[in-house]
Amino acid sequence: MQLNLSRPLLLTLLYCGCLSSYSVNSIAQDRPLETETRAGNLLQVNSLLDPIEINRIHSWEMTLLTADNQPIQNATISVAGGMPDHDHGLPTLPQVTREISAGRYLIEGIRFHMPGRWEINFSIETDAGTDIATLDFSL
């Protein structure tokens, strides 16, 4: 069976189909994202926006713990990242704005502008030196 669609109708269907592929732009966070730092510490993040939605600026709460589960306090943390498969960075410049409690930090200004694989890189400065970590996840 062959369909005979007019050009305007075909273009409209293609256009709507492309838009609908981006209409489900959220992901529920059922557990914290976590990774081990280069020094063997634990870094966990929880989005304060759940589900995480594409194109919504939001904040993360990050926890830093030593290998023996002690909070890492008074750290200076830089955040960067992007989509390695697309060779571009984040559309915003997230900042750690304060330490909420011992080893818990607030990161503000996070936004993901498209679904796919993301990497978020952390540089962590403490009295013990510099540590780094990378979170790799998909939205």
C-alpha atoms as a PDB file:
ATOM      1  CA  MET A   1       0.000   0.000   0.000  1.00  0.00           C
ATOM      2  CA  GLN A   2       1.405   3.399  -0.977  1.00  0.00           C
ATOM      3  CA  LEU A   3       0.341   6.642   0.696  1.00  0.00           C
ATOM      4  CA  ASN A   4      -0.059   9.685  -1.509  1.00  0.00           C
ATOM      5  CA  LEU A   5       0.427  12.664   0.827  1.00  0.00           C
ATOM      6  CA  SER A   6       0.521  16.249  -0.365  1.00  0.00           C
ATOM      7  CA  ARG A   7       3.804  18.084   0.182  1.00  0.00           C
ATOM      8  CA  PRO A   8       2.378  20.536   2.808  1.00  0.00           C
ATOM      9  CA  LEU A   9       0.834  17.673   4.765  1.00  0.00           C
ATOM     10  CA  LEU A  10       4.056  15.670   4.608  1.00  0.00           C
ATOM     11  CA  LEU A  11       6.123  18.659   5.813  1.00  0.00           C
ATOM     12  CA  THR A  12       3.672  19.274   8.653  1.00  0.00           C
ATOM     13  CA  LEU A  13       3.866  15.641   9.765  1.00  0.00           C
ATOM     14  CA  LEU A  14       7.665  15.658   9.625  1.00  0.00           C
ATOM     15  CA  TYR A  15       7.823  18.932  11.568  1.00  0.00           C
ATOM     16  CA  CYS A  16       5.481  17.638  14.285  1.00  0.00           C
ATOM     17  CA  GLY A  17       7.376  14.378  14.466  1.00  0.00           C
ATOM     18  CA  CYS A  18      10.658  16.201  15.038  1.00  0.00           C
ATOM     19  CA  LEU A  19       9.149  18.355  17.753  1.00  0.00           C
ATOM     20  CA  SER A  20       7.522  15.422  19.497  1.00  0.00           C
ATOM     21  CA  SER A  21      10.884  13.678  19.816  1.00  0.00           C
ATOM     22  CA  TYR A  22      11.901  16.464  22.210  1.00  0.00           C
ATOM     23  CA  SER A  23       8.624  16.694  24.107  1.00  0.00           C
ATOM     24  CA  VAL A  24       9.608  14.196  26.814  1.00  0.00           C
ATOM     25  CA  ASN A  25      12.472  16.190  28.268  1.00  0.00           C
ATOM     26  CA  SER A  26      12.740  15.153  31.882  1.00  0.00           C
ATOM     27  CA  ILE A  27      14.303  12.414  33.924  1.00  0.00           C
ATOM     28  CA  ALA A  28      13.305  11.313  37.415  1.00  0.00           C
ATOM     29  CA  GLN A  29      16.121  10.988  39.902  1.00  0.00           C
ATOM     30  CA  ASP A  30      15.570   7.777  41.831  1.00  0.00           C
ATOM     31  CA  ARG A  31      18.963   7.933  43.572  1.00  0.00           C
ATOM     32  CA  PRO A  32      21.845  10.398  43.872  1.00  0.00           C
ATOM     33  CA  LEU A  33      24.370  10.648  41.080  1.00  0.00           C
ATOM     34  CA  GLU A  34      27.705   9.659  42.550  1.00  0.00           C
ATOM     35  CA  THR A  35      31.322   9.107  41.672  1.00  0.00           C
ATOM     36  CA  GLU A  36      34.653   8.514  43.350  1.00  0.00           C
ATOM     37  CA  THR A  37      37.175  11.337  43.197  1.00  0.00           C
ATOM     38  CA  ARG A  38      40.762  10.815  42.083  1.00  0.00           C
ATOM     39  CA  ALA A  39      41.804  10.759  45.776  1.00  0.00           C
ATOM     40  CA  GLY A  40      39.211   8.087  46.622  1.00  0.00           C
ATOM     41  CA  ASN A  41      36.611  10.377  48.194  1.00  0.00           C
ATOM     42  CA  LEU A  42      32.875  10.101  47.515  1.00  0.00           C
ATOM     43  CA  LEU A  43      31.001  12.844  45.637  1.00  0.00           C
ATOM     44  CA  GLN A  44      27.188  12.642  45.476  1.00  0.00           C
ATOM     45  CA  VAL A  45      24.705  15.075  43.932  1.00  0.00           C
ATOM     46  CA  ASN A  46      20.949  15.364  44.235  1.00  0.00           C
ATOM     47  CA  SER A  47      19.008  17.653  41.949  1.00  0.00           C
ATOM     48  CA  LEU A  48      16.636  19.972  43.773  1.00  0.00           C
ATOM     49  CA  LEU A  49      14.472  19.799  40.645  1.00  0.00           C
ATOM     50  CA  ASP A  50      12.943  16.332  40.361  1.00  0.00           C
ATOM     51  CA  PRO A  51      12.440  15.282  37.690  1.00  0.00           C
ATOM     52  CA  ILE A  52      15.356  17.045  36.010  1.00  0.00           C
ATOM     53  CA  GLU A  53      13.894  18.898  33.030  1.00  0.00           C
ATOM     54  CA  ILE A  54      15.566  20.141  29.894  1.00  0.00           C
ATOM     55  CA  ASN A  55      15.945  23.960  29.763  1.00  0.00           C
ATOM     56  CA  ARG A  56      15.098  24.570  33.441  1.00  0.00           C
ATOM     57  CA  ILE A  57      17.718  26.273  35.574  1.00  0.00           C
ATOM     58  CA  HIS A  58      17.986  24.434  38.850  1.00  0.00           C
ATOM     59  CA  SER A  59      20.287  23.678  41.779  1.00  0.00           C
ATOM     60  CA  TRP A  60      22.060  20.617  43.069  1.00  0.00           C
ATOM     61  CA  GLU A  61      22.977  19.641  46.592  1.00  0.00           C
ATOM     62  CA  MET A  62      26.415  18.024  46.591  1.00  0.00           C
ATOM     63  CA  THR A  63      27.879  15.897  49.394  1.00  0.00           C
ATOM     64  CA  LEU A  64      31.614  15.286  49.740  1.00  0.00           C
ATOM     65  CA  LEU A  65      32.789  12.469  52.010  1.00  0.00           C
ATOM     66  CA  THR A  66      36.175  10.947  52.698  1.00  0.00           C
ATOM     67  CA  ALA A  67      36.723   7.240  52.066  1.00  0.00           C
ATOM     68  CA  ASP A  68      35.867   6.631  55.743  1.00  0.00           C
ATOM     69  CA  ASN A  69      32.574   8.600  55.453  1.00  0.00           C
ATOM     70  CA  GLN A  70      33.707  11.847  57.096  1.00  0.00           C
ATOM     71  CA  PRO A  71      32.442  15.145  55.621  1.00  0.00           C
ATOM     72  CA  ILE A  72      34.939  17.214  53.651  1.00  0.00           C
ATOM     73  CA  GLN A  73      34.462  20.739  54.927  1.00  0.00           C
ATOM     74  CA  ASN A  74      35.542  24.207  53.795  1.00  0.00           C
ATOM     75  CA  ALA A  75      36.299  23.122  50.238  1.00  0.00           C
ATOM     76  CA  THR A  76      36.526  25.511  47.311  1.00  0.00           C
ATOM     77  CA  ILE A  77      34.809  23.793  44.391  1.00  0.00           C
ATOM     78  CA  SER A  78      34.729  24.680  40.697  1.00  0.00           C
ATOM     79  CA  VAL A  79      32.141  23.162  38.362  1.00  0.00           C
ATOM     80  CA  ALA A  80      32.404  22.793  34.578  1.00  0.00           C
ATOM     81  CA  GLY A  81      31.188  20.297  32.018  1.00  0.00           C
ATOM     82  CA  GLY A  82      29.373  19.646  28.811  1.00  0.00           C
ATOM     83  CA  MET A  83      28.425  17.076  26.221  1.00  0.00           C
ATOM     84  CA  PRO A  84      31.551  15.241  25.045  1.00  0.00           C
ATOM     85  CA  ASP A  85      29.708  13.616  22.131  1.00  0.00           C
ATOM     86  CA  HIS A  86      28.721  17.061  20.815  1.00  0.00           C
ATOM     87  CA  ASP A  87      31.944  18.866  21.791  1.00  0.00           C
ATOM     88  CA  HIS A  88      30.274  21.723  23.688  1.00  0.00           C
ATOM     89  CA  GLY A  89      30.094  22.892  27.266  1.00  0.00           C
ATOM     90  CA  LEU A  90      27.260  23.706  29.616  1.00  0.00           C
ATOM     91  CA  PRO A  91      24.959  26.557  28.556  1.00  0.00           C
ATOM     92  CA  THR A  92      25.344  28.122  32.038  1.00  0.00           C
ATOM     93  CA  LEU A  93      28.173  28.653  34.535  1.00  0.00           C
ATOM     94  CA  PRO A  94      27.132  26.730  37.661  1.00  0.00           C
ATOM     95  CA  GLN A  95      28.620  27.973  40.932  1.00  0.00           C
ATOM     96  CA  VAL A  96      29.001  26.498  44.395  1.00  0.00           C
ATOM     97  CA  THR A  97      27.398  29.280  46.405  1.00  0.00           C
ATOM     98  CA  ARG A  98      27.737  27.987  49.953  1.00  0.00           C
ATOM     99  CA  GLU A  99      28.383  25.082  52.272  1.00  0.00           C
ATOM    100  CA  ILE A 100      24.942  24.133  53.613  1.00  0.00           C
ATOM    101  CA  SER A 101      26.308  21.984  56.422  1.00  0.00           C
ATOM    102  CA  ALA A 102      29.445  19.937  57.035  1.00  0.00           C
ATOM    103  CA  GLY A 103      30.409  18.467  53.658  1.00  0.00           C
ATOM    104  CA  ARG A 104      27.173  19.531  51.896  1.00  0.00           C
ATOM    105  CA  TYR A 105      27.382  22.235  49.232  1.00  0.00           C
ATOM    106  CA  LEU A 106      24.811  24.108  47.139  1.00  0.00           C
ATOM    107  CA  ILE A 107      25.483  24.328  43.394  1.00  0.00           C
ATOM    108  CA  GLU A 108      23.293  26.888  41.632  1.00  0.00           C
ATOM    109  CA  GLY A 109      22.740  27.714  37.969  1.00  0.00           C
ATOM    110  CA  ILE A 110      22.671  24.271  36.356  1.00  0.00           C
ATOM    111  CA  ARG A 111      20.807  23.891  33.081  1.00  0.00           C
ATOM    112  CA  PHE A 112      20.833  21.164  30.458  1.00  0.00           C
ATOM    113  CA  HIS A 113      19.602  22.347  27.076  1.00  0.00           C
ATOM    114  CA  MET A 114      19.262  18.982  25.328  1.00  0.00           C
ATOM    115  CA  PRO A 115      18.980  15.269  26.071  1.00  0.00           C
ATOM    116  CA  GLY A 116      22.050  13.081  25.747  1.00  0.00           C
ATOM    117  CA  ARG A 117      25.265  12.196  27.579  1.00  0.00           C
ATOM    118  CA  TRP A 118      26.663  14.833  29.928  1.00  0.00           C
ATOM    119  CA  GLU A 119      29.886  15.093  31.928  1.00  0.00           C
ATOM    120  CA  ILE A 120      30.191  17.392  34.921  1.00  0.00           C
ATOM    121  CA  ASN A 121      33.731  18.053  36.167  1.00  0.00           C
ATOM    122  CA  PHE A 122      34.579  19.127  39.694  1.00  0.00           C
ATOM    123  CA  SER A 123      37.833  20.625  40.936  1.00  0.00           C
ATOM    124  CA  ILE A 124      37.979  20.456  44.723  1.00  0.00           C
ATOM    125  CA  GLU A 125      40.507  22.505  46.726  1.00  0.00           C
ATOM    126  CA  THR A 126      41.015  21.700  50.416  1.00  0.00           C
ATOM    127  CA  ASP A 127      43.847  22.036  52.940  1.00  0.00           C
ATOM    128  CA  ALA A 128      44.869  18.515  51.854  1.00  0.00           C
ATOM    129  CA  GLY A 129      45.344  19.661  48.224  1.00  0.00           C
ATOM    130  CA  THR A 130      43.488  19.453  44.927  1.00  0.00           C
ATOM    131  CA  ASP A 131      41.123  16.630  44.042  1.00  0.00           C
ATOM    132  CA  ILE A 132      39.054  16.126  40.886  1.00  0.00           C
ATOM    133  CA  ALA A 133      35.964  14.147  39.933  1.00  0.00           C
ATOM    134  CA  THR A 134      33.788  13.636  36.867  1.00  0.00           C
ATOM    135  CA  LEU A 135      30.112  12.671  36.827  1.00  0.00           C
ATOM    136  CA  ASP A 136      29.032  10.971  33.607  1.00  0.00           C
ATOM    137  CA  PHE A 137      25.284  10.508  33.015  1.00  0.00           C
ATOM    138  CA  SER A 138      22.571  10.717  30.395  1.00  0.00           C
ATOM    139  CA  LEU A 139      19.354  12.729  30.315  1.00  0.00           C
END
